[in-house]
Amino acid sequence: FALHRRPPWLRAKSPEPAAFEETKNVVKKHRLTTVCEEARCPNTGECWSNHTATFMIMGDLCTRRCSFCSVKDGTLQTLAPLDPFEPLRVGQAVAQLGLRHAVVTCVDRDDIPDMGAEHFHRTAKAIAHAAPDCTIEFLVPDLRGKRSLLEIILQSGRINVLNHNIETVPALYKAVRPGASFE
């Protein structure tokens, strides 16, 4: 058994301290959650050193229990109501960081009738208002396949990229994403 060194492109880069702290302070000042922190992303140092972050709206507790994810599980007893000012704070943070492209994802909130669709819509409007030249990318939940909820998210007309992670192949889907449907 021989030990092999990891190739340079696979190693996480050390963060540039001043820029990393600036991004961290913006996130903290606006009381925002990032997938960078919650999902323990190995690239956080590099991204935050470049004044970028992937914002995670609707809290830090998820109603799904996907086996691959580090985000904390929530229950009806532990989930907080959506913060109506969060979209505004995301927009302010995007502007303060000077982002040209903002990426926003979320936890799953199956406890909310529209699963957060209106919250996404308000976030798009807030980013567009605070940083009019910034493009917007949303990584949305499956919305239980309800097209009407997707239409709410898209109604701002400001979303440039719409994504949804499927995570795995159909044969493994139930094991990897209990509570979700590949279809």
C-alpha atoms as a PDB file:
ATOM      1  CA  PHE A   1       0.000   0.000   0.000  1.00  0.00           C
ATOM      2  CA  ALA A   2       1.641   3.224  -1.110  1.00  0.00           C
ATOM      3  CA  LEU A   3       0.644   6.654   0.125  1.00  0.00           C
ATOM      4  CA  HIS A   4       0.016   9.152  -2.600  1.00  0.00           C
ATOM      5  CA  ARG A   5       0.049  12.875  -2.246  1.00  0.00           C
ATOM      6  CA  ARG A   6      -3.110  14.662  -3.242  1.00  0.00           C
ATOM      7  CA  PRO A   7      -2.788  16.625  -6.469  1.00  0.00           C
ATOM      8  CA  PRO A   8      -2.586  20.416  -5.958  1.00  0.00           C
ATOM      9  CA  TRP A   9      -6.009  21.026  -7.478  1.00  0.00           C
ATOM     10  CA  LEU A  10      -7.605  18.760  -4.848  1.00  0.00           C
ATOM     11  CA  ARG A  11      -6.183  20.589  -1.852  1.00  0.00           C
ATOM     12  CA  ALA A  12      -8.230  23.260  -0.128  1.00  0.00           C
ATOM     13  CA  LYS A  13      -6.468  26.599  -0.363  1.00  0.00           C
ATOM     14  CA  SER A  14      -5.682  28.599   2.741  1.00  0.00           C
ATOM     15  CA  PRO A  15      -7.929  31.632   2.997  1.00  0.00           C
ATOM     16  CA  GLU A  16      -6.611  35.140   2.533  1.00  0.00           C
ATOM     17  CA  PRO A  17      -7.249  36.354   6.103  1.00  0.00           C
ATOM     18  CA  ALA A  18      -8.408  39.949   5.501  1.00  0.00           C
ATOM     19  CA  ALA A  19     -10.828  39.149   2.654  1.00  0.00           C
ATOM     20  CA  PHE A  20     -12.111  36.041   4.450  1.00  0.00           C
ATOM     21  CA  GLU A  21     -12.847  38.104   7.576  1.00  0.00           C
ATOM     22  CA  GLU A  22     -14.611  40.796   5.521  1.00  0.00           C
ATOM     23  CA  THR A  23     -16.967  38.212   4.008  1.00  0.00           C
ATOM     24  CA  LYS A  24     -17.490  36.555   7.382  1.00  0.00           C
ATOM     25  CA  ASN A  25     -18.335  39.931   8.922  1.00  0.00           C
ATOM     26  CA  VAL A  26     -20.863  40.781   6.183  1.00  0.00           C
ATOM     27  CA  VAL A  27     -22.589  37.418   6.656  1.00  0.00           C
ATOM     28  CA  LYS A  28     -22.610  37.868  10.427  1.00  0.00           C
ATOM     29  CA  LYS A  29     -23.710  41.531  10.316  1.00  0.00           C
ATOM     30  CA  HIS A  30     -26.730  40.644   8.181  1.00  0.00           C
ATOM     31  CA  ARG A  31     -27.499  37.547  10.285  1.00  0.00           C
ATOM     32  CA  LEU A  32     -27.426  35.275   7.248  1.00  0.00           C
ATOM     33  CA  THR A  33     -26.930  31.571   6.876  1.00  0.00           C
ATOM     34  CA  THR A  34     -24.646  30.169   4.195  1.00  0.00           C
ATOM     35  CA  VAL A  35     -24.491  26.684   2.793  1.00  0.00           C
ATOM     36  CA  CYS A  36     -20.730  27.178   3.002  1.00  0.00           C
ATOM     37  CA  GLU A  37     -20.909  26.905   6.779  1.00  0.00           C
ATOM     38  CA  GLU A  38     -23.932  24.656   7.264  1.00  0.00           C
ATOM     39  CA  ALA A  39     -22.848  22.012   4.752  1.00  0.00           C
ATOM     40  CA  ARG A  40     -19.205  22.267   5.847  1.00  0.00           C
ATOM     41  CA  CYS A  41     -18.004  23.069   2.342  1.00  0.00           C
ATOM     42  CA  PRO A  42     -14.264  22.501   1.918  1.00  0.00           C
ATOM     43  CA  ASN A  43     -14.024  25.505  -0.428  1.00  0.00           C
ATOM     44  CA  THR A  44     -15.282  28.116   2.039  1.00  0.00           C
ATOM     45  CA  GLY A  45     -11.831  29.590   2.603  1.00  0.00           C
ATOM     46  CA  GLU A  46     -11.249  30.115  -1.095  1.00  0.00           C
ATOM     47  CA  CYS A  47     -14.728  31.480  -1.819  1.00  0.00           C
ATOM     48  CA  TRP A  48     -14.904  33.797   1.186  1.00  0.00           C
ATOM     49  CA  SER A  49     -11.412  35.072   0.352  1.00  0.00           C
ATOM     50  CA  ASN A  50     -12.903  36.131  -2.988  1.00  0.00           C
ATOM     51  CA  HIS A  51     -15.862  37.858  -1.264  1.00  0.00           C
ATOM     52  CA  THR A  52     -18.398  35.307  -2.369  1.00  0.00           C
ATOM     53  CA  ALA A  53     -20.745  32.983  -0.512  1.00  0.00           C
ATOM     54  CA  THR A  54     -23.742  30.806  -1.269  1.00  0.00           C
ATOM     55  CA  PHE A  55     -26.602  32.134   0.811  1.00  0.00           C
ATOM     56  CA  MET A  56     -29.003  29.643   2.360  1.00  0.00           C
ATOM     57  CA  ILE A  57     -32.415  31.136   3.070  1.00  0.00           C
ATOM     58  CA  MET A  58     -35.299  29.991   5.262  1.00  0.00           C
ATOM     59  CA  GLY A  59     -33.203  29.084   8.298  1.00  0.00           C
ATOM     60  CA  ASP A  60     -30.609  26.484   9.125  1.00  0.00           C
ATOM     61  CA  LEU A  61     -32.901  23.536   9.888  1.00  0.00           C
ATOM     62  CA  CYS A  62     -34.171  21.279   7.110  1.00  0.00           C
ATOM     63  CA  THR A  63     -37.341  19.174   7.065  1.00  0.00           C
ATOM     64  CA  ARG A  64     -35.716  16.459   4.941  1.00  0.00           C
ATOM     65  CA  ARG A  65     -33.174  14.014   6.259  1.00  0.00           C
ATOM     66  CA  CYS A  66     -30.921  13.446   3.274  1.00  0.00           C
ATOM     67  CA  SER A  67     -28.060  11.127   4.202  1.00  0.00           C
ATOM     68  CA  PHE A  68     -25.445  13.031   2.201  1.00  0.00           C
ATOM     69  CA  CYS A  69     -26.051  16.439   3.769  1.00  0.00           C
ATOM     70  CA  SER A  70     -24.563  18.121   6.845  1.00  0.00           C
ATOM     71  CA  VAL A  71     -27.420  20.598   7.322  1.00  0.00           C
ATOM     72  CA  LYS A  72     -29.183  20.100  10.656  1.00  0.00           C
ATOM     73  CA  ASP A  73     -32.562  18.367  10.729  1.00  0.00           C
ATOM     74  CA  GLY A  74     -35.573  20.318  11.898  1.00  0.00           C
ATOM     75  CA  THR A  75     -38.895  19.233  13.330  1.00  0.00           C
ATOM     76  CA  LEU A  76     -42.183  21.057  13.664  1.00  0.00           C
ATOM     77  CA  GLN A  77     -41.126  21.883  17.225  1.00  0.00           C
ATOM     78  CA  THR A  78     -37.709  23.314  16.281  1.00  0.00           C
ATOM     79  CA  LEU A  79     -38.447  25.157  13.023  1.00  0.00           C
ATOM     80  CA  ALA A  80     -38.771  28.928  13.289  1.00  0.00           C
ATOM     81  CA  PRO A  81     -41.172  30.968  11.154  1.00  0.00           C
ATOM     82  CA  LEU A  82     -39.611  32.520   8.075  1.00  0.00           C
ATOM     83  CA  ASP A  83     -37.907  35.844   8.756  1.00  0.00           C
ATOM     84  CA  PRO A  84     -39.708  38.404   6.563  1.00  0.00           C
ATOM     85  CA  PHE A  85     -36.605  40.637   6.542  1.00  0.00           C
ATOM     86  CA  GLU A  86     -34.181  37.928   5.409  1.00  0.00           C
ATOM     87  CA  PRO A  87     -34.649  38.678   1.674  1.00  0.00           C
ATOM     88  CA  LEU A  88     -33.771  42.335   2.298  1.00  0.00           C
ATOM     89  CA  ARG A  89     -30.651  41.360   4.271  1.00  0.00           C
ATOM     90  CA  VAL A  90     -29.551  38.996   1.480  1.00  0.00           C
ATOM     91  CA  GLY A  91     -29.893  41.847  -1.011  1.00  0.00           C
ATOM     92  CA  GLN A  92     -27.890  44.171   1.236  1.00  0.00           C
ATOM     93  CA  ALA A  93     -25.133  41.566   1.691  1.00  0.00           C
ATOM     94  CA  VAL A  94     -24.936  40.950  -2.062  1.00  0.00           C
ATOM     95  CA  ALA A  95     -24.522  44.681  -2.634  1.00  0.00           C
ATOM     96  CA  GLN A  96     -22.007  45.083   0.186  1.00  0.00           C
ATOM     97  CA  LEU A  97     -19.884  42.191  -1.115  1.00  0.00           C
ATOM     98  CA  GLY A  98     -20.046  43.659  -4.623  1.00  0.00           C
ATOM     99  CA  LEU A  99     -21.198  40.377  -6.127  1.00  0.00           C
ATOM    100  CA  ARG A 100     -21.704  40.229  -9.871  1.00  0.00           C
ATOM    101  CA  HIS A 101     -23.405  36.840  -9.511  1.00  0.00           C
ATOM    102  CA  ALA A 102     -25.371  35.809  -6.405  1.00  0.00           C
ATOM    103  CA  VAL A 103     -26.122  32.173  -5.588  1.00  0.00           C
ATOM    104  CA  VAL A 104     -28.990  31.418  -3.210  1.00  0.00           C
ATOM    105  CA  THR A 105     -30.136  28.024  -2.019  1.00  0.00           C
ATOM    106  CA  CYS A 106     -32.277  26.939   0.910  1.00  0.00           C
ATOM    107  CA  VAL A 107     -33.195  24.271   3.355  1.00  0.00           C
ATOM    108  CA  ASP A 108     -36.319  22.287   2.560  1.00  0.00           C
ATOM    109  CA  ARG A 109     -39.304  23.688   4.442  1.00  0.00           C
ATOM    110  CA  ASP A 110     -42.100  21.197   3.891  1.00  0.00           C
ATOM    111  CA  ASP A 111     -43.856  22.741   6.897  1.00  0.00           C
ATOM    112  CA  ILE A 112     -44.699  25.909   4.931  1.00  0.00           C
ATOM    113  CA  PRO A 113     -47.653  25.675   2.517  1.00  0.00           C
ATOM    114  CA  ASP A 114     -45.737  27.231  -0.416  1.00  0.00           C
ATOM    115  CA  MET A 115     -42.459  25.548   0.669  1.00  0.00           C
ATOM    116  CA  GLY A 116     -40.800  28.964   0.608  1.00  0.00           C
ATOM    117  CA  ALA A 117     -41.629  29.931  -2.989  1.00  0.00           C
ATOM    118  CA  GLU A 118     -42.753  33.462  -2.033  1.00  0.00           C
ATOM    119  CA  HIS A 119     -39.641  33.870   0.125  1.00  0.00           C
ATOM    120  CA  PHE A 120     -37.472  33.060  -2.908  1.00  0.00           C
ATOM    121  CA  HIS A 121     -39.477  35.548  -4.965  1.00  0.00           C
ATOM    122  CA  ARG A 122     -38.954  38.309  -2.380  1.00  0.00           C
ATOM    123  CA  THR A 123     -35.245  37.456  -2.251  1.00  0.00           C
ATOM    124  CA  ALA A 124     -34.929  37.862  -6.034  1.00  0.00           C
ATOM    125  CA  LYS A 125     -36.640  41.243  -5.848  1.00  0.00           C
ATOM    126  CA  ALA A 126     -34.431  42.370  -2.947  1.00  0.00           C
ATOM    127  CA  ILE A 127     -31.208  41.386  -4.738  1.00  0.00           C
ATOM    128  CA  ALA A 128     -32.363  43.054  -7.954  1.00  0.00           C
ATOM    129  CA  HIS A 129     -33.163  46.247  -6.040  1.00  0.00           C
ATOM    130  CA  ALA A 130     -29.931  46.347  -4.000  1.00  0.00           C
ATOM    131  CA  ALA A 131     -27.587  45.187  -6.786  1.00  0.00           C
ATOM    132  CA  PRO A 132     -29.314  45.803 -10.141  1.00  0.00           C
ATOM    133  CA  ASP A 133     -26.370  44.573 -12.239  1.00  0.00           C
ATOM    134  CA  CYS A 134     -25.955  41.328 -10.300  1.00  0.00           C
ATOM    135  CA  THR A 135     -27.133  38.120 -11.939  1.00  0.00           C
ATOM    136  CA  ILE A 136     -29.125  35.742  -9.751  1.00  0.00           C
ATOM    137  CA  GLU A 137     -28.842  31.979  -9.488  1.00  0.00           C
ATOM    138  CA  PHE A 138     -31.325  30.018  -7.402  1.00  0.00           C
ATOM    139  CA  LEU A 139     -30.871  26.425  -6.327  1.00  0.00           C
ATOM    140  CA  VAL A 140     -34.433  25.520  -5.406  1.00  0.00           C
ATOM    141  CA  PRO A 141     -36.035  22.584  -3.562  1.00  0.00           C
ATOM    142  CA  ASP A 142     -38.187  20.080  -5.430  1.00  0.00           C
ATOM    143  CA  LEU A 143     -41.379  21.894  -4.317  1.00  0.00           C
ATOM    144  CA  ARG A 144     -42.979  18.434  -4.358  1.00  0.00           C
ATOM    145  CA  GLY A 145     -43.314  18.855  -8.116  1.00  0.00           C
ATOM    146  CA  LYS A 146     -45.806  21.732  -7.907  1.00  0.00           C
ATOM    147  CA  ARG A 147     -45.363  23.867 -11.013  1.00  0.00           C
ATOM    148  CA  SER A 148     -47.436  26.710  -9.514  1.00  0.00           C
ATOM    149  CA  LEU A 149     -44.807  27.143  -6.781  1.00  0.00           C
ATOM    150  CA  LEU A 150     -42.018  27.271  -9.340  1.00  0.00           C
ATOM    151  CA  GLU A 151     -43.958  29.972 -11.183  1.00  0.00           C
ATOM    152  CA  ILE A 152     -44.092  32.058  -7.980  1.00  0.00           C
ATOM    153  CA  ILE A 153     -40.302  31.837  -7.688  1.00  0.00           C
ATOM    154  CA  LEU A 154     -39.822  32.857 -11.317  1.00  0.00           C
ATOM    155  CA  GLN A 155     -42.373  35.696 -11.419  1.00  0.00           C
ATOM    156  CA  SER A 156     -39.782  38.406 -10.684  1.00  0.00           C
ATOM    157  CA  GLY A 157     -38.251  37.855 -14.110  1.00  0.00           C
ATOM    158  CA  ARG A 158     -34.822  38.515 -12.574  1.00  0.00           C
ATOM    159  CA  ILE A 159     -33.546  34.963 -12.134  1.00  0.00           C
ATOM    160  CA  ASN A 160     -30.770  34.179 -14.602  1.00  0.00           C
ATOM    161  CA  VAL A 161     -30.021  30.591 -13.559  1.00  0.00           C
ATOM    162  CA  LEU A 162     -32.450  28.140 -11.991  1.00  0.00           C
ATOM    163  CA  ASN A 163     -31.020  24.908 -10.595  1.00  0.00           C
ATOM    164  CA  HIS A 164     -32.220  21.891  -8.695  1.00  0.00           C
ATOM    165  CA  ASN A 165     -29.908  19.123  -7.484  1.00  0.00           C
ATOM    166  CA  ILE A 166     -31.122  15.614  -8.132  1.00  0.00           C
ATOM    167  CA  GLU A 167     -28.129  14.251  -6.147  1.00  0.00           C
ATOM    168  CA  THR A 168     -28.154  10.657  -7.407  1.00  0.00           C
ATOM    169  CA  VAL A 169     -29.561   8.056  -9.806  1.00  0.00           C
ATOM    170  CA  PRO A 170     -33.157   6.763  -9.571  1.00  0.00           C
ATOM    171  CA  ALA A 171     -32.159   3.364  -8.115  1.00  0.00           C
ATOM    172  CA  LEU A 172     -30.492   5.006  -5.091  1.00  0.00           C
ATOM    173  CA  TYR A 173     -32.860   7.924  -4.678  1.00  0.00           C
ATOM    174  CA  LYS A 174     -35.028   6.705  -1.790  1.00  0.00           C
ATOM    175  CA  ALA A 175     -31.967   5.696   0.246  1.00  0.00           C
ATOM    176  CA  VAL A 176     -30.161   9.000  -0.360  1.00  0.00           C
ATOM    177  CA  ARG A 177     -33.138  11.376  -0.270  1.00  0.00           C
ATOM    178  CA  PRO A 178     -35.899   9.957   1.912  1.00  0.00           C
ATOM    179  CA  GLY A 179     -38.988  12.109   1.701  1.00  0.00           C
ATOM    180  CA  ALA A 180     -38.212  13.246  -1.844  1.00  0.00           C
ATOM    181  CA  SER A 181     -39.258  11.831  -5.184  1.00  0.00           C
ATOM    182  CA  PHE A 182     -36.963  11.538  -8.199  1.00  0.00           C
ATOM    183  CA  GLU A 183     -39.929  12.108 -10.497  1.00  0.00           C
END
